[in-house]
Amino acid sequence: MHPPDARLYIVGLIVDCPYEPNPEDCALHDIRQKPLRERIEWSKQLTNEEIQGIISVHKKCLAEKEGRVGLSET
């Protein structure tokens, strides 16, 4: 994901979780409780590496919630 697209992706994630309403085990749980303006300002301070890390954690979490990870493990 290119940096401008990744930054937009982060803005979407700080607005809401696409799977359930702000799960407590989410890395973005606390930031989602702040006013929207603060969340956007916070996202502007993130480095590209931080953005990629957040996206990576999000994709793993989403896959787990959708049951796409660990199905073959016994």
C-alpha atoms as a PDB file:
ATOM      1  CA  MET A   1       0.000   0.000   0.000  1.00  0.00           C
ATOM      2  CA  HIS A   2       1.430   3.381  -0.990  1.00  0.00           C
ATOM      3  CA  PRO A   3       1.869   5.952   1.820  1.00  0.00           C
ATOM      4  CA  PRO A   4      -1.008   8.323   0.820  1.00  0.00           C
ATOM      5  CA  ASP A   5      -3.387   5.371   0.496  1.00  0.00           C
ATOM      6  CA  ALA A   6      -2.109   3.901   3.757  1.00  0.00           C
ATOM      7  CA  ARG A   7      -2.675   7.187   5.579  1.00  0.00           C
ATOM      8  CA  LEU A   8      -6.273   7.289   4.330  1.00  0.00           C
ATOM      9  CA  TYR A   9      -6.703   3.689   5.449  1.00  0.00           C
ATOM     10  CA  ILE A  10      -5.543   4.686   8.951  1.00  0.00           C
ATOM     11  CA  VAL A  11      -8.046   7.537   9.054  1.00  0.00           C
ATOM     12  CA  GLY A  12     -10.800   5.025   8.312  1.00  0.00           C
ATOM     13  CA  LEU A  13      -9.557   2.731  11.064  1.00  0.00           C
ATOM     14  CA  ILE A  14      -9.440   5.511  13.671  1.00  0.00           C
ATOM     15  CA  VAL A  15     -13.038   6.386  12.867  1.00  0.00           C
ATOM     16  CA  ASP A  16     -14.347   2.864  13.416  1.00  0.00           C
ATOM     17  CA  CYS A  17     -13.445  -0.809  13.376  1.00  0.00           C
ATOM     18  CA  PRO A  18     -14.829  -2.424  10.218  1.00  0.00           C
ATOM     19  CA  TYR A  19     -15.724  -5.579  12.118  1.00  0.00           C
ATOM     20  CA  GLU A  20     -17.262  -4.502  15.422  1.00  0.00           C
ATOM     21  CA  PRO A  21     -17.724  -1.327  17.466  1.00  0.00           C
ATOM     22  CA  ASN A  22     -14.321  -0.356  18.923  1.00  0.00           C
ATOM     23  CA  PRO A  23     -13.164  -3.675  20.415  1.00  0.00           C
ATOM     24  CA  GLU A  24     -11.226  -3.288  23.676  1.00  0.00           C
ATOM     25  CA  ASP A  25      -8.413  -5.541  22.453  1.00  0.00           C
ATOM     26  CA  CYS A  26      -7.725  -3.288  19.459  1.00  0.00           C
ATOM     27  CA  ALA A  27      -4.525  -1.230  19.309  1.00  0.00           C
ATOM     28  CA  LEU A  28      -6.664   1.733  18.229  1.00  0.00           C
ATOM     29  CA  HIS A  29      -9.271   1.384  20.995  1.00  0.00           C
ATOM     30  CA  ASP A  30      -8.026   4.336  23.072  1.00  0.00           C
ATOM     31  CA  ILE A  31      -7.526   6.687  20.147  1.00  0.00           C
ATOM     32  CA  ARG A  32     -11.079   5.998  18.915  1.00  0.00           C
ATOM     33  CA  GLN A  33     -12.430   7.365  22.194  1.00  0.00           C
ATOM     34  CA  LYS A  34     -10.951  10.797  21.504  1.00  0.00           C
ATOM     35  CA  PRO A  35     -12.709  13.523  19.520  1.00  0.00           C
ATOM     36  CA  LEU A  36     -12.383  13.094  15.759  1.00  0.00           C
ATOM     37  CA  ARG A  37     -10.203  16.186  15.355  1.00  0.00           C
ATOM     38  CA  GLU A  38      -7.678  14.769  17.864  1.00  0.00           C
ATOM     39  CA  ARG A  39      -7.679  11.408  16.084  1.00  0.00           C
ATOM     40  CA  ILE A  40      -6.922  13.023  12.741  1.00  0.00           C
ATOM     41  CA  GLU A  41      -4.140  15.155  14.228  1.00  0.00           C
ATOM     42  CA  TRP A  42      -2.708  12.007  15.853  1.00  0.00           C
ATOM     43  CA  SER A  43      -2.751  10.200  12.515  1.00  0.00           C
ATOM     44  CA  LYS A  44      -0.842  13.056  10.849  1.00  0.00           C
ATOM     45  CA  GLN A  45       2.035  12.508  13.287  1.00  0.00           C
ATOM     46  CA  LEU A  46       2.495   8.827  12.404  1.00  0.00           C
ATOM     47  CA  THR A  47       5.545   7.776  10.419  1.00  0.00           C
ATOM     48  CA  ASN A  48       5.147   5.544   7.372  1.00  0.00           C
ATOM     49  CA  GLU A  49       6.621   2.688   9.413  1.00  0.00           C
ATOM     50  CA  GLU A  50       4.066   3.214  12.204  1.00  0.00           C
ATOM     51  CA  ILE A  51       1.260   3.303   9.657  1.00  0.00           C
ATOM     52  CA  GLN A  52       2.412   0.062   8.042  1.00  0.00           C
ATOM     53  CA  GLY A  53       2.683  -1.556  11.490  1.00  0.00           C
ATOM     54  CA  ILE A  54      -0.867  -0.536  12.436  1.00  0.00           C
ATOM     55  CA  ILE A  55      -2.214  -1.787   9.115  1.00  0.00           C
ATOM     56  CA  SER A  56      -0.395  -5.090   9.530  1.00  0.00           C
ATOM     57  CA  VAL A  57      -1.823  -5.623  13.018  1.00  0.00           C
ATOM     58  CA  HIS A  58      -5.285  -4.634  11.773  1.00  0.00           C
ATOM     59  CA  LYS A  59      -5.212  -7.084   8.861  1.00  0.00           C
ATOM     60  CA  LYS A  60      -4.108  -9.927  11.141  1.00  0.00           C
ATOM     61  CA  CYS A  61      -6.834  -9.101  13.675  1.00  0.00           C
ATOM     62  CA  LEU A  62      -9.509  -8.853  10.984  1.00  0.00           C
ATOM     63  CA  ALA A  63      -8.472 -12.206   9.515  1.00  0.00           C
ATOM     64  CA  GLU A  64      -8.687 -13.793  12.982  1.00  0.00           C
ATOM     65  CA  LYS A  65     -12.125 -12.308  13.636  1.00  0.00           C
ATOM     66  CA  GLU A  66     -13.344 -13.564  10.279  1.00  0.00           C
ATOM     67  CA  GLY A  67     -11.970 -17.010  11.037  1.00  0.00           C
ATOM     68  CA  ARG A  68      -9.489 -17.044   8.187  1.00  0.00           C
ATOM     69  CA  VAL A  69      -6.460 -17.722  10.387  1.00  0.00           C
ATOM     70  CA  GLY A  70      -5.751 -20.915  12.254  1.00  0.00           C
ATOM     71  CA  LEU A  71      -8.485 -22.993  10.653  1.00  0.00           C
ATOM     72  CA  SER A  72      -6.056 -25.749   9.692  1.00  0.00           C
ATOM     73  CA  GLU A  73      -4.366 -25.892  13.098  1.00  0.00           C
ATOM     74  CA  THR A  74      -5.357 -28.767  15.360  1.00  0.00           C
END
